[in-house]
Amino acid sequence: MDRWTWMMVRMYAPALGALALGLLLMLPLGMLRESPVLAGVYAMARWLPALAIAVSVTLALVATVRLWRWDQGRSQLVCECGGLLGRERTGRFGAYRKCLACNRNVNERYYT
């Protein structure tokens, strides 16, 4: 895989993680519903998979919009290699962002 494919994988990974969490949360719901001790917990727990799937869809839409804007050339947070920059992190020499394509750290002086 080339670095552009890895960039897309890194952008969609949180959405896939939230989707997997939503699907895994569906497994114990059948046991909660049948248990007389935990029947009260079921009323609230039944919404957790739907919430996780909604978060997954939202994260996927954000990643899709960022990739679309990057493809159109309208993204402001771009590394020198042409890849998108990730979230802002605090570091020893100030705030920085990690390039999603080449994994390089870019200091805040170069993207603000």
PDB file of N, CA and C in Angstrom:
ATOM      1  N   MET A   1       0.839  -1.183   0.000  1.00  0.00           N
ATOM      2  CA  MET A   1       0.000   0.000   0.000  1.00  0.00           C
ATOM      3  C   MET A   1       0.884   1.247   0.000  1.00  0.00           C
ATOM      4  N   ASP A   2       0.455   2.245  -0.734  1.00  0.00           N
ATOM      5  CA  ASP A   2       1.223   3.484  -0.769  1.00  0.00           C
ATOM      6  C   ASP A   2       0.784   4.414   0.367  1.00  0.00           C
ATOM      7  N   ARG A   3       1.434   5.549   0.477  1.00  0.00           N
ATOM      8  CA  ARG A   3       1.178   6.426   1.621  1.00  0.00           C
ATOM      9  C   ARG A   3      -0.187   7.085   1.563  1.00  0.00           C
ATOM     10  N   TRP A   4      -0.773   7.239   0.381  1.00  0.00           N
ATOM     11  CA  TRP A   4      -2.101   7.841   0.286  1.00  0.00           C
ATOM     12  C   TRP A   4      -3.159   6.868   0.788  1.00  0.00           C
ATOM     13  N   THR A   5      -2.960   5.587   0.528  1.00  0.00           N
ATOM     14  CA  THR A   5      -3.878   4.584   1.057  1.00  0.00           C
ATOM     15  C   THR A   5      -3.768   4.515   2.570  1.00  0.00           C
ATOM     16  N   TRP A   6      -2.542   4.592   3.096  1.00  0.00           N
ATOM     17  CA  TRP A   6      -2.361   4.591   4.549  1.00  0.00           C
ATOM     18  C   TRP A   6      -3.004   5.820   5.177  1.00  0.00           C
ATOM     19  N   MET A   7      -2.971   6.954   4.483  1.00  0.00           N
ATOM     20  CA  MET A   7      -3.605   8.162   5.000  1.00  0.00           C
ATOM     21  C   MET A   7      -5.112   7.954   5.135  1.00  0.00           C
ATOM     22  N   MET A   8      -5.714   7.322   4.139  1.00  0.00           N
ATOM     23  CA  MET A   8      -7.145   7.051   4.217  1.00  0.00           C
ATOM     24  C   MET A   8      -7.456   6.046   5.317  1.00  0.00           C
ATOM     25  N   VAL A   9      -6.604   5.042   5.483  1.00  0.00           N
ATOM     26  CA  VAL A   9      -6.811   4.064   6.556  1.00  0.00           C
ATOM     27  C   VAL A   9      -6.741   4.751   7.911  1.00  0.00           C
ATOM     28  N   ARG A  10      -5.778   5.653   8.092  1.00  0.00           N
ATOM     29  CA  ARG A  10      -5.645   6.369   9.366  1.00  0.00           C
ATOM     30  C   ARG A  10      -6.834   7.290   9.619  1.00  0.00           C
ATOM     31  N   MET A  11      -7.421   7.835   8.578  1.00  0.00           N
ATOM     32  CA  MET A  11      -8.559   8.733   8.764  1.00  0.00           C
ATOM     33  C   MET A  11      -9.836   7.973   9.088  1.00  0.00           C
ATOM     34  N   TYR A  12     -10.008   6.796   8.508  1.00  0.00           N
ATOM     35  CA  TYR A  12     -11.230   6.034   8.745  1.00  0.00           C
ATOM     36  C   TYR A  12     -11.112   5.052   9.913  1.00  0.00           C
ATOM     37  N   ALA A  13      -9.942   4.908  10.518  1.00  0.00           N
ATOM     38  CA  ALA A  13      -9.756   3.963  11.624  1.00  0.00           C
ATOM     39  C   ALA A  13     -10.637   4.277  12.833  1.00  0.00           C
ATOM     40  N   PRO A  14     -10.776   5.537  13.272  1.00  0.00           N
ATOM     41  CA  PRO A  14     -11.670   5.790  14.414  1.00  0.00           C
ATOM     42  C   PRO A  14     -13.123   5.423  14.116  1.00  0.00           C
ATOM     43  N   ALA A  15     -13.572   5.652  12.892  1.00  0.00           N
ATOM     44  CA  ALA A  15     -14.945   5.296  12.533  1.00  0.00           C
ATOM     45  C   ALA A  15     -15.137   3.783  12.558  1.00  0.00           C
ATOM     46  N   LEU A  16     -14.148   3.050  12.058  1.00  0.00           N
ATOM     47  CA  LEU A  16     -14.245   1.589  12.091  1.00  0.00           C
ATOM     48  C   LEU A  16     -14.187   1.062  13.518  1.00  0.00           C
ATOM     49  N   GLY A  17     -13.389   1.701  14.375  1.00  0.00           N
ATOM     50  CA  GLY A  17     -13.323   1.301  15.780  1.00  0.00           C
ATOM     51  C   GLY A  17     -14.646   1.526  16.493  1.00  0.00           C
ATOM     52  N   ALA A  18     -15.291   2.665  16.247  1.00  0.00           N
ATOM     53  CA  ALA A  18     -16.588   2.940  16.867  1.00  0.00           C
ATOM     54  C   ALA A  18     -17.655   1.988  16.342  1.00  0.00           C
ATOM     55  N   LEU A  19     -17.585   1.630  15.069  1.00  0.00           N
ATOM     56  CA  LEU A  19     -18.535   0.671  14.512  1.00  0.00           C
ATOM     57  C   LEU A  19     -18.344  -0.706  15.134  1.00  0.00           C
ATOM     58  N   ALA A  20     -17.093  -1.130  15.296  1.00  0.00           N
ATOM     59  CA  ALA A  20     -16.826  -2.423  15.937  1.00  0.00           C
ATOM     60  C   ALA A  20     -17.310  -2.420  17.384  1.00  0.00           C
ATOM     61  N   LEU A  21     -17.119  -1.307  18.086  1.00  0.00           N
ATOM     62  CA  LEU A  21     -17.603  -1.205  19.462  1.00  0.00           C
ATOM     63  C   LEU A  21     -19.120  -1.308  19.508  1.00  0.00           C
ATOM     64  N   GLY A  22     -19.797  -0.649  18.580  1.00  0.00           N
ATOM     65  CA  GLY A  22     -21.254  -0.736  18.527  1.00  0.00           C
ATOM     66  C   GLY A  22     -21.744  -2.145  18.265  1.00  0.00           C
ATOM     67  N   LEU A  23     -21.051  -2.856  17.376  1.00  0.00           N
ATOM     68  CA  LEU A  23     -21.449  -4.235  17.093  1.00  0.00           C
ATOM     69  C   LEU A  23     -21.152  -5.161  18.270  1.00  0.00           C
ATOM     70  N   LEU A  24     -20.040  -4.919  18.961  1.00  0.00           N
ATOM     71  CA  LEU A  24     -19.716  -5.742  20.130  1.00  0.00           C
ATOM     72  C   LEU A  24     -20.651  -5.470  21.301  1.00  0.00           C
ATOM     73  N   LEU A  25     -21.172  -4.264  21.399  1.00  0.00           N
ATOM     74  CA  LEU A  25     -22.109  -3.950  22.475  1.00  0.00           C
ATOM     75  C   LEU A  25     -23.459  -4.627  22.282  1.00  0.00           C
ATOM     76  N   MET A  26     -23.751  -5.074  21.067  1.00  0.00           N
ATOM     77  CA  MET A  26     -25.016  -5.764  20.823  1.00  0.00           C
ATOM     78  C   MET A  26     -25.039  -7.174  21.403  1.00  0.00           C
ATOM     79  N   LEU A  27     -23.866  -7.777  21.564  1.00  0.00           N
ATOM     80  CA  LEU A  27     -23.814  -9.168  22.025  1.00  0.00           C
ATOM     81  C   LEU A  27     -24.390  -9.384  23.422  1.00  0.00           C
ATOM     82  N   PRO A  28     -24.016  -8.596  24.441  1.00  0.00           N
ATOM     83  CA  PRO A  28     -24.536  -8.887  25.782  1.00  0.00           C
ATOM     84  C   PRO A  28     -25.955  -8.383  26.026  1.00  0.00           C
ATOM     85  N   LEU A  29     -26.579  -7.706  25.071  1.00  0.00           N
ATOM     86  CA  LEU A  29     -27.919  -7.173  25.312  1.00  0.00           C
ATOM     87  C   LEU A  29     -28.961  -8.267  25.489  1.00  0.00           C
ATOM     88  N   GLY A  30     -28.812  -9.370  24.793  1.00  0.00           N
ATOM     89  CA  GLY A  30     -29.752 -10.482  24.958  1.00  0.00           C
ATOM     90  C   GLY A  30     -29.703 -11.059  26.360  1.00  0.00           C
ATOM     91  N   MET A  31     -28.498 -11.166  26.922  1.00  0.00           N
ATOM     92  CA  MET A  31     -28.366 -11.682  28.286  1.00  0.00           C
ATOM     93  C   MET A  31     -28.913 -10.686  29.304  1.00  0.00           C
ATOM     94  N   LEU A  32     -28.738  -9.404  29.061  1.00  0.00           N
ATOM     95  CA  LEU A  32     -29.266  -8.399  29.988  1.00  0.00           C
ATOM     96  C   LEU A  32     -30.787  -8.403  30.008  1.00  0.00           C
ATOM     97  N   ARG A  33     -31.390  -8.595  28.864  1.00  0.00           N
ATOM     98  CA  ARG A  33     -32.848  -8.582  28.783  1.00  0.00           C
ATOM     99  C   ARG A  33     -33.452  -9.773  29.515  1.00  0.00           C
ATOM    100  N   GLU A  34     -32.800 -10.931  29.448  1.00  0.00           N
ATOM    101  CA  GLU A  34     -33.338 -12.143  30.067  1.00  0.00           C
ATOM    102  C   GLU A  34     -33.055 -12.234  31.555  1.00  0.00           C
ATOM    103  N   SER A  35     -32.094 -11.498  32.054  1.00  0.00           N
ATOM    104  CA  SER A  35     -31.727 -11.561  33.465  1.00  0.00           C
ATOM    105  C   SER A  35     -32.705 -10.739  34.305  1.00  0.00           C
ATOM    106  N   PRO A  36     -33.300 -11.352  35.348  1.00  0.00           N
ATOM    107  CA  PRO A  36     -34.222 -10.582  36.196  1.00  0.00           C
ATOM    108  C   PRO A  36     -33.500  -9.545  37.060  1.00  0.00           C
ATOM    109  N   VAL A  37     -32.230  -9.774  37.361  1.00  0.00           N
ATOM    110  CA  VAL A  37     -31.476  -8.848  38.202  1.00  0.00           C
ATOM    111  C   VAL A  37     -31.081  -7.593  37.414  1.00  0.00           C
ATOM    112  N   LEU A  38     -30.703  -7.766  36.164  1.00  0.00           N
ATOM    113  CA  LEU A  38     -30.199  -6.654  35.354  1.00  0.00           C
ATOM    114  C   LEU A  38     -31.226  -6.104  34.360  1.00  0.00           C
ATOM    115  N   ALA A  39     -32.500  -6.397  34.579  1.00  0.00           N
ATOM    116  CA  ALA A  39     -33.526  -5.937  33.637  1.00  0.00           C
ATOM    117  C   ALA A  39     -33.632  -4.417  33.618  1.00  0.00           C
ATOM    118  N   GLY A  40     -33.368  -3.760  34.740  1.00  0.00           N
ATOM    119  CA  GLY A  40     -33.425  -2.299  34.784  1.00  0.00           C
ATOM    120  C   GLY A  40     -32.299  -1.648  34.006  1.00  0.00           C
ATOM    121  N   VAL A  41     -31.163  -2.314  33.936  1.00  0.00           N
ATOM    122  CA  VAL A  41     -30.019  -1.782  33.197  1.00  0.00           C
ATOM    123  C   VAL A  41     -30.282  -1.852  31.688  1.00  0.00           C
ATOM    124  N   TYR A  42     -31.076  -2.805  31.272  1.00  0.00           N
ATOM    125  CA  TYR A  42     -31.337  -3.006  29.846  1.00  0.00           C
ATOM    126  C   TYR A  42     -31.996  -1.781  29.210  1.00  0.00           C
ATOM    127  N   ALA A  43     -32.850  -1.086  29.967  1.00  0.00           N
ATOM    128  CA  ALA A  43     -33.561   0.069  29.405  1.00  0.00           C
ATOM    129  C   ALA A  43     -32.588   1.135  28.912  1.00  0.00           C
ATOM    130  N   MET A  44     -31.493   1.331  29.628  1.00  0.00           N
ATOM    131  CA  MET A  44     -30.503   2.315  29.182  1.00  0.00           C
ATOM    132  C   MET A  44     -29.460   1.702  28.256  1.00  0.00           C
ATOM    133  N   ALA A  45     -29.076   0.467  28.512  1.00  0.00           N
ATOM    134  CA  ALA A  45     -27.998  -0.166  27.743  1.00  0.00           C
ATOM    135  C   ALA A  45     -28.404  -0.470  26.303  1.00  0.00           C
ATOM    136  N   ARG A  46     -29.683  -0.553  26.033  1.00  0.00           N
ATOM    137  CA  ARG A  46     -30.097  -0.883  24.664  1.00  0.00           C
ATOM    138  C   ARG A  46     -29.801   0.246  23.687  1.00  0.00           C
ATOM    139  N   TRP A  47     -29.557   1.468  24.182  1.00  0.00           N
ATOM    140  CA  TRP A  47     -29.250   2.594  23.307  1.00  0.00           C
ATOM    141  C   TRP A  47     -27.762   2.737  23.032  1.00  0.00           C
ATOM    142  N   LEU A  48     -26.909   2.031  23.762  1.00  0.00           N
ATOM    143  CA  LEU A  48     -25.462   2.162  23.570  1.00  0.00           C
ATOM    144  C   LEU A  48     -24.988   1.741  22.174  1.00  0.00           C
ATOM    145  N   PRO A  49     -25.457   0.614  21.622  1.00  0.00           N
ATOM    146  CA  PRO A  49     -25.012   0.274  20.257  1.00  0.00           C
ATOM    147  C   PRO A  49     -25.440   1.312  19.218  1.00  0.00           C
ATOM    148  N   ALA A  50     -26.653   1.831  19.358  1.00  0.00           N
ATOM    149  CA  ALA A  50     -27.116   2.849  18.410  1.00  0.00           C
ATOM    150  C   ALA A  50     -26.283   4.119  18.529  1.00  0.00           C
ATOM    151  N   LEU A  51     -25.923   4.486  19.750  1.00  0.00           N
ATOM    152  CA  LEU A  51     -25.087   5.666  19.958  1.00  0.00           C
ATOM    153  C   LEU A  51     -23.702   5.467  19.349  1.00  0.00           C
ATOM    154  N   ALA A  52     -23.117   4.283  19.544  1.00  0.00           N
ATOM    155  CA  ALA A  52     -21.791   4.004  18.985  1.00  0.00           C
ATOM    156  C   ALA A  52     -21.827   4.001  17.457  1.00  0.00           C
ATOM    157  N   ILE A  53     -22.883   3.476  16.878  1.00  0.00           N
ATOM    158  CA  ILE A  53     -22.997   3.459  15.419  1.00  0.00           C
ATOM    159  C   ILE A  53     -23.217   4.876  14.885  1.00  0.00           C
ATOM    160  N   ALA A  54     -23.978   5.705  15.610  1.00  0.00           N
ATOM    161  CA  ALA A  54     -24.164   7.099  15.196  1.00  0.00           C
ATOM    162  C   ALA A  54     -22.844   7.867  15.258  1.00  0.00           C
ATOM    163  N   VAL A  55     -22.046   7.620  16.290  1.00  0.00           N
ATOM    164  CA  VAL A  55     -20.725   8.250  16.384  1.00  0.00           C
ATOM    165  C   VAL A  55     -19.839   7.776  15.238  1.00  0.00           C
ATOM    166  N   SER A  56     -19.938   6.492  14.890  1.00  0.00           N
ATOM    167  CA  SER A  56     -19.151   5.944  13.788  1.00  0.00           C
ATOM    168  C   SER A  56     -19.512   6.616  12.462  1.00  0.00           C
ATOM    169  N   VAL A  57     -20.788   6.797  12.224  1.00  0.00           N
ATOM    170  CA  VAL A  57     -21.221   7.453  10.982  1.00  0.00           C
ATOM    171  C   VAL A  57     -20.742   8.901  10.950  1.00  0.00           C
ATOM    172  N   THR A  58     -20.814   9.587  12.095  1.00  0.00           N
ATOM    173  CA  THR A  58     -20.349  10.973  12.161  1.00  0.00           C
ATOM    174  C   THR A  58     -18.853  11.069  11.885  1.00  0.00           C
ATOM    175  N   LEU A  59     -18.064  10.184  12.489  1.00  0.00           N
ATOM    176  CA  LEU A  59     -16.619  10.190  12.256  1.00  0.00           C
ATOM    177  C   LEU A  59     -16.286   9.887  10.795  1.00  0.00           C
ATOM    178  N   ALA A  60     -17.035   8.973  10.191  1.00  0.00           N
ATOM    179  CA  ALA A  60     -16.799   8.651   8.784  1.00  0.00           C
ATOM    180  C   ALA A  60     -17.158   9.835   7.884  1.00  0.00           C
ATOM    181  N   LEU A  61     -18.225  10.552   8.219  1.00  0.00           N
ATOM    182  CA  LEU A  61     -18.588  11.727   7.427  1.00  0.00           C
ATOM    183  C   LEU A  61     -17.541  12.829   7.544  1.00  0.00           C
ATOM    184  N   VAL A  62     -17.013  13.039   8.743  1.00  0.00           N
ATOM    185  CA  VAL A  62     -15.967  14.050   8.927  1.00  0.00           C
ATOM    186  C   VAL A  62     -14.728  13.678   8.114  1.00  0.00           C
ATOM    187  N   ALA A  63     -14.338  12.402   8.156  1.00  0.00           N
ATOM    188  CA  ALA A  63     -13.175  11.957   7.384  1.00  0.00           C
ATOM    189  C   ALA A  63     -13.423  12.109   5.884  1.00  0.00           C
ATOM    190  N   THR A  64     -14.629  11.792   5.445  1.00  0.00           N
ATOM    191  CA  THR A  64     -14.954  11.909   4.027  1.00  0.00           C
ATOM    192  C   THR A  64     -14.917  13.359   3.563  1.00  0.00           C
ATOM    193  N   VAL A  65     -15.454  14.269   4.371  1.00  0.00           N
ATOM    194  CA  VAL A  65     -15.439  15.688   4.005  1.00  0.00           C
ATOM    195  C   VAL A  65     -14.006  16.214   3.971  1.00  0.00           C
ATOM    196  N   ARG A  66     -13.183  15.819   4.945  1.00  0.00           N
ATOM    197  CA  ARG A  66     -11.781  16.265   4.945  1.00  0.00           C
ATOM    198  C   ARG A  66     -11.043  15.754   3.711  1.00  0.00           C
ATOM    199  N   LEU A  67     -11.268  14.480   3.351  1.00  0.00           N
ATOM    200  CA  LEU A  67     -10.619  13.934   2.158  1.00  0.00           C
ATOM    201  C   LEU A  67     -11.127  14.604   0.885  1.00  0.00           C
ATOM    202  N   TRP A  68     -12.413  14.891   0.843  1.00  0.00           N
ATOM    203  CA  TRP A  68     -12.978  15.547  -0.329  1.00  0.00           C
ATOM    204  C   TRP A  68     -12.402  16.949  -0.483  1.00  0.00           C
ATOM    205  N   ARG A  69     -12.324  17.716   0.618  1.00  0.00           N
ATOM    206  CA  ARG A  69     -11.743  19.063   0.552  1.00  0.00           C
ATOM    207  C   ARG A  69     -10.264  18.997   0.171  1.00  0.00           C
ATOM    208  N   TRP A  70      -9.559  17.977   0.670  1.00  0.00           N
ATOM    209  CA  TRP A  70      -8.144  17.810   0.323  1.00  0.00           C
ATOM    210  C   TRP A  70      -7.997  17.509  -1.166  1.00  0.00           C
ATOM    211  N   ASP A  71      -8.872  16.667  -1.708  1.00  0.00           N
ATOM    212  CA  ASP A  71      -8.828  16.306  -3.120  1.00  0.00           C
ATOM    213  C   ASP A  71      -9.130  17.516  -4.010  1.00  0.00           C
ATOM    214  N   GLN A  72     -10.007  18.394  -3.545  1.00  0.00           N
ATOM    215  CA  GLN A  72     -10.353  19.601  -4.297  1.00  0.00           C
ATOM    216  C   GLN A  72      -9.300  20.697  -4.163  1.00  0.00           C
ATOM    217  N   GLY A  73      -8.353  20.523  -3.225  1.00  0.00           N
ATOM    218  CA  GLY A  73      -7.315  21.528  -3.015  1.00  0.00           C
ATOM    219  C   GLY A  73      -7.736  22.653  -2.094  1.00  0.00           C
ATOM    220  N   ARG A  74      -8.791  22.446  -1.295  1.00  0.00           N
ATOM    221  CA  ARG A  74      -9.298  23.493  -0.416  1.00  0.00           C
ATOM    222  C   ARG A  74      -8.962  23.249   1.049  1.00  0.00           C
ATOM    223  N   SER A  75      -8.127  22.297   1.348  1.00  0.00           N
ATOM    224  CA  SER A  75      -7.752  22.018   2.730  1.00  0.00           C
ATOM    225  C   SER A  75      -6.590  22.909   3.132  1.00  0.00           C
ATOM    226  N   GLN A  76      -6.663  23.485   4.337  1.00  0.00           N
ATOM    227  CA  GLN A  76      -5.612  24.388   4.789  1.00  0.00           C
ATOM    228  C   GLN A  76      -4.505  23.655   5.522  1.00  0.00           C
ATOM    229  N   LEU A  77      -4.809  22.531   6.141  1.00  0.00           N
ATOM    230  CA  LEU A  77      -3.822  21.807   6.933  1.00  0.00           C
ATOM    231  C   LEU A  77      -3.181  20.714   6.088  1.00  0.00           C
ATOM    232  N   VAL A  78      -2.156  21.095   5.332  1.00  0.00           N
ATOM    233  CA  VAL A  78      -1.480  20.165   4.435  1.00  0.00           C
ATOM    234  C   VAL A  78       0.015  20.196   4.722  1.00  0.00           C
ATOM    235  N   CYS A  79       0.629  19.023   4.759  1.00  0.00           N
ATOM    236  CA  CYS A  79       2.069  18.880   4.974  1.00  0.00           C
ATOM    237  C   CYS A  79       2.811  19.232   3.678  1.00  0.00           C
ATOM    238  N   GLU A  80       4.129  19.340   3.773  1.00  0.00           N
ATOM    239  CA  GLU A  80       4.935  19.614   2.578  1.00  0.00           C
ATOM    240  C   GLU A  80       4.860  18.478   1.566  1.00  0.00           C
ATOM    241  N   CYS A  81       4.615  17.260   2.055  1.00  0.00           N
ATOM    242  CA  CYS A  81       4.514  16.114   1.147  1.00  0.00           C
ATOM    243  C   CYS A  81       3.170  16.073   0.433  1.00  0.00           C
ATOM    244  N   GLY A  82       2.209  16.886   0.891  1.00  0.00           N
ATOM    245  CA  GLY A  82       0.893  16.910   0.273  1.00  0.00           C
ATOM    246  C   GLY A  82      -0.160  16.185   1.071  1.00  0.00           C
ATOM    247  N   GLY A  83       0.221  15.528   2.162  1.00  0.00           N
ATOM    248  CA  GLY A  83      -0.731  14.785   2.983  1.00  0.00           C
ATOM    249  C   GLY A  83      -1.442  15.673   3.986  1.00  0.00           C
ATOM    250  N   LEU A  84      -2.575  15.196   4.456  1.00  0.00           N
ATOM    251  CA  LEU A  84      -3.342  15.921   5.463  1.00  0.00           C
ATOM    252  C   LEU A  84      -2.679  15.819   6.825  1.00  0.00           C
ATOM    253  N   LEU A  85      -2.879  16.838   7.658  1.00  0.00           N
ATOM    254  CA  LEU A  85      -2.359  16.824   9.017  1.00  0.00           C
ATOM    255  C   LEU A  85      -3.446  16.355   9.974  1.00  0.00           C
ATOM    256  N   GLY A  86      -3.034  15.599  10.989  1.00  0.00           N
ATOM    257  CA  GLY A  86      -3.956  15.082  11.991  1.00  0.00           C
ATOM    258  C   GLY A  86      -4.272  16.111  13.061  1.00  0.00           C
ATOM    259  N   ARG A  87      -4.724  15.623  14.209  1.00  0.00           N
ATOM    260  CA  ARG A  87      -5.132  16.517  15.298  1.00  0.00           C
ATOM    261  C   ARG A  87      -3.921  17.203  15.910  1.00  0.00           C
ATOM    262  N   GLU A  88      -4.177  18.316  16.578  1.00  0.00           N
ATOM    263  CA  GLU A  88      -3.097  19.056  17.221  1.00  0.00           C
ATOM    264  C   GLU A  88      -2.738  18.391  18.543  1.00  0.00           C
ATOM    265  N   ARG A  89      -1.448  18.253  18.780  1.00  0.00           N
ATOM    266  CA  ARG A  89      -0.929  17.637  20.001  1.00  0.00           C
ATOM    267  C   ARG A  89       0.056  18.602  20.642  1.00  0.00           C
ATOM    268  N   THR A  90       0.211  18.481  21.956  1.00  0.00           N
ATOM    269  CA  THR A  90       1.212  19.306  22.632  1.00  0.00           C
ATOM    270  C   THR A  90       2.495  18.509  22.735  1.00  0.00           C
ATOM    271  N   GLY A  91       3.594  19.166  22.454  1.00  0.00           N
ATOM    272  CA  GLY A  91       4.894  18.503  22.484  1.00  0.00           C
ATOM    273  C   GLY A  91       5.913  19.330  23.229  1.00  0.00           C
ATOM    274  N   ARG A  92       7.113  18.860  23.223  1.00  0.00           N
ATOM    275  CA  ARG A  92       8.202  19.504  23.940  1.00  0.00           C
ATOM    276  C   ARG A  92       8.520  20.886  23.378  1.00  0.00           C
ATOM    277  N   PHE A  93       8.404  21.038  22.098  1.00  0.00           N
ATOM    278  CA  PHE A  93       8.727  22.310  21.443  1.00  0.00           C
ATOM    279  C   PHE A  93       7.477  23.065  21.004  1.00  0.00           C
ATOM    280  N   GLY A  94       6.352  22.816  21.632  1.00  0.00           N
ATOM    281  CA  GLY A  94       5.104  23.491  21.296  1.00  0.00           C
ATOM    282  C   GLY A  94       4.133  22.548  20.607  1.00  0.00           C
ATOM    283  N   ALA A  95       3.030  23.107  20.175  1.00  0.00           N
ATOM    284  CA  ALA A  95       1.995  22.312  19.520  1.00  0.00           C
ATOM    285  C   ALA A  95       2.476  21.843  18.146  1.00  0.00           C
ATOM    286  N   TYR A  96       2.036  20.659  17.773  1.00  0.00           N
ATOM    287  CA  TYR A  96       2.394  20.110  16.468  1.00  0.00           C
ATOM    288  C   TYR A  96       1.278  19.206  15.973  1.00  0.00           C
ATOM    289  N   ARG A  97       1.321  18.887  14.714  1.00  0.00           N
ATOM    290  CA  ARG A  97       0.395  17.933  14.089  1.00  0.00           C
ATOM    291  C   ARG A  97       1.216  16.896  13.348  1.00  0.00           C
ATOM    292  N   LYS A  98       0.694  15.676  13.304  1.00  0.00           N
ATOM    293  CA  LYS A  98       1.376  14.589  12.610  1.00  0.00           C
ATOM    294  C   LYS A  98       0.748  14.423  11.230  1.00  0.00           C
ATOM    295  N   CYS A  99       1.607  14.338  10.224  1.00  0.00           N
ATOM    296  CA  CYS A  99       1.134  14.133   8.856  1.00  0.00           C
ATOM    297  C   CYS A  99       0.559  12.723   8.745  1.00  0.00           C
ATOM    298  N   LEU A 100      -0.619  12.613   8.144  1.00  0.00           N
ATOM    299  CA  LEU A 100      -1.255  11.311   8.005  1.00  0.00           C
ATOM    300  C   LEU A 100      -0.669  10.497   6.854  1.00  0.00           C
ATOM    301  N   ALA A 101       0.098  11.129   5.984  1.00  0.00           N
ATOM    302  CA  ALA A 101       0.682  10.421   4.848  1.00  0.00           C
ATOM    303  C   ALA A 101       2.104   9.958   5.133  1.00  0.00           C
ATOM    304  N   CYS A 102       2.953  10.864   5.669  1.00  0.00           N
ATOM    305  CA  CYS A 102       4.368  10.512   5.842  1.00  0.00           C
ATOM    306  C   CYS A 102       4.779  10.366   7.313  1.00  0.00           C
ATOM    307  N   ASN A 103       3.856  10.569   8.247  1.00  0.00           N
ATOM    308  CA  ASN A 103       4.106  10.424   9.693  1.00  0.00           C
ATOM    309  C   ASN A 103       5.093  11.441  10.241  1.00  0.00           C
ATOM    310  N   ARG A 104       5.342  12.519   9.543  1.00  0.00           N
ATOM    311  CA  ARG A 104       6.263  13.537  10.022  1.00  0.00           C
ATOM    312  C   ARG A 104       5.540  14.488  10.971  1.00  0.00           C
ATOM    313  N   ASN A 105       6.242  14.973  11.998  1.00  0.00           N
ATOM    314  CA  ASN A 105       5.684  15.962  12.906  1.00  0.00           C
ATOM    315  C   ASN A 105       5.882  17.353  12.310  1.00  0.00           C
ATOM    316  N   VAL A 106       4.814  18.139  12.272  1.00  0.00           N
ATOM    317  CA  VAL A 106       4.867  19.486  11.713  1.00  0.00           C
ATOM    318  C   VAL A 106       4.545  20.464  12.833  1.00  0.00           C
ATOM    319  N   ASN A 107       5.480  21.356  13.140  1.00  0.00           N
ATOM    320  CA  ASN A 107       5.313  22.327  14.205  1.00  0.00           C
ATOM    321  C   ASN A 107       4.236  23.340  13.837  1.00  0.00           C
ATOM    322  N   GLU A 108       3.636  23.948  14.871  1.00  0.00           N
ATOM    323  CA  GLU A 108       2.535  24.885  14.633  1.00  0.00           C
ATOM    324  C   GLU A 108       2.955  26.115  13.837  1.00  0.00           C
ATOM    325  N   ARG A 109       4.236  26.431  13.824  1.00  0.00           N
ATOM    326  CA  ARG A 109       4.697  27.592  13.049  1.00  0.00           C
ATOM    327  C   ARG A 109       4.474  27.399  11.558  1.00  0.00           C
ATOM    328  N   TYR A 110       4.408  26.155  11.116  1.00  0.00           N
ATOM    329  CA  TYR A 110       4.343  25.876   9.684  1.00  0.00           C
ATOM    330  C   TYR A 110       2.936  25.575   9.178  1.00  0.00           C
ATOM    331  N   TYR A 111       1.937  25.533  10.057  1.00  0.00           N
ATOM    332  CA  TYR A 111       0.586  25.283   9.559  1.00  0.00           C
ATOM    333  C   TYR A 111      -0.419  26.322  10.017  1.00  0.00           C
ATOM    334  N   THR A 112      -0.025  27.314  10.796  1.00  0.00           N
ATOM    335  CA  THR A 112      -0.994  28.332  11.220  1.00  0.00           C
ATOM    336  C   THR A 112      -0.964  29.524  10.300  1.00  0.00           C
TER     337      THR A 112
END
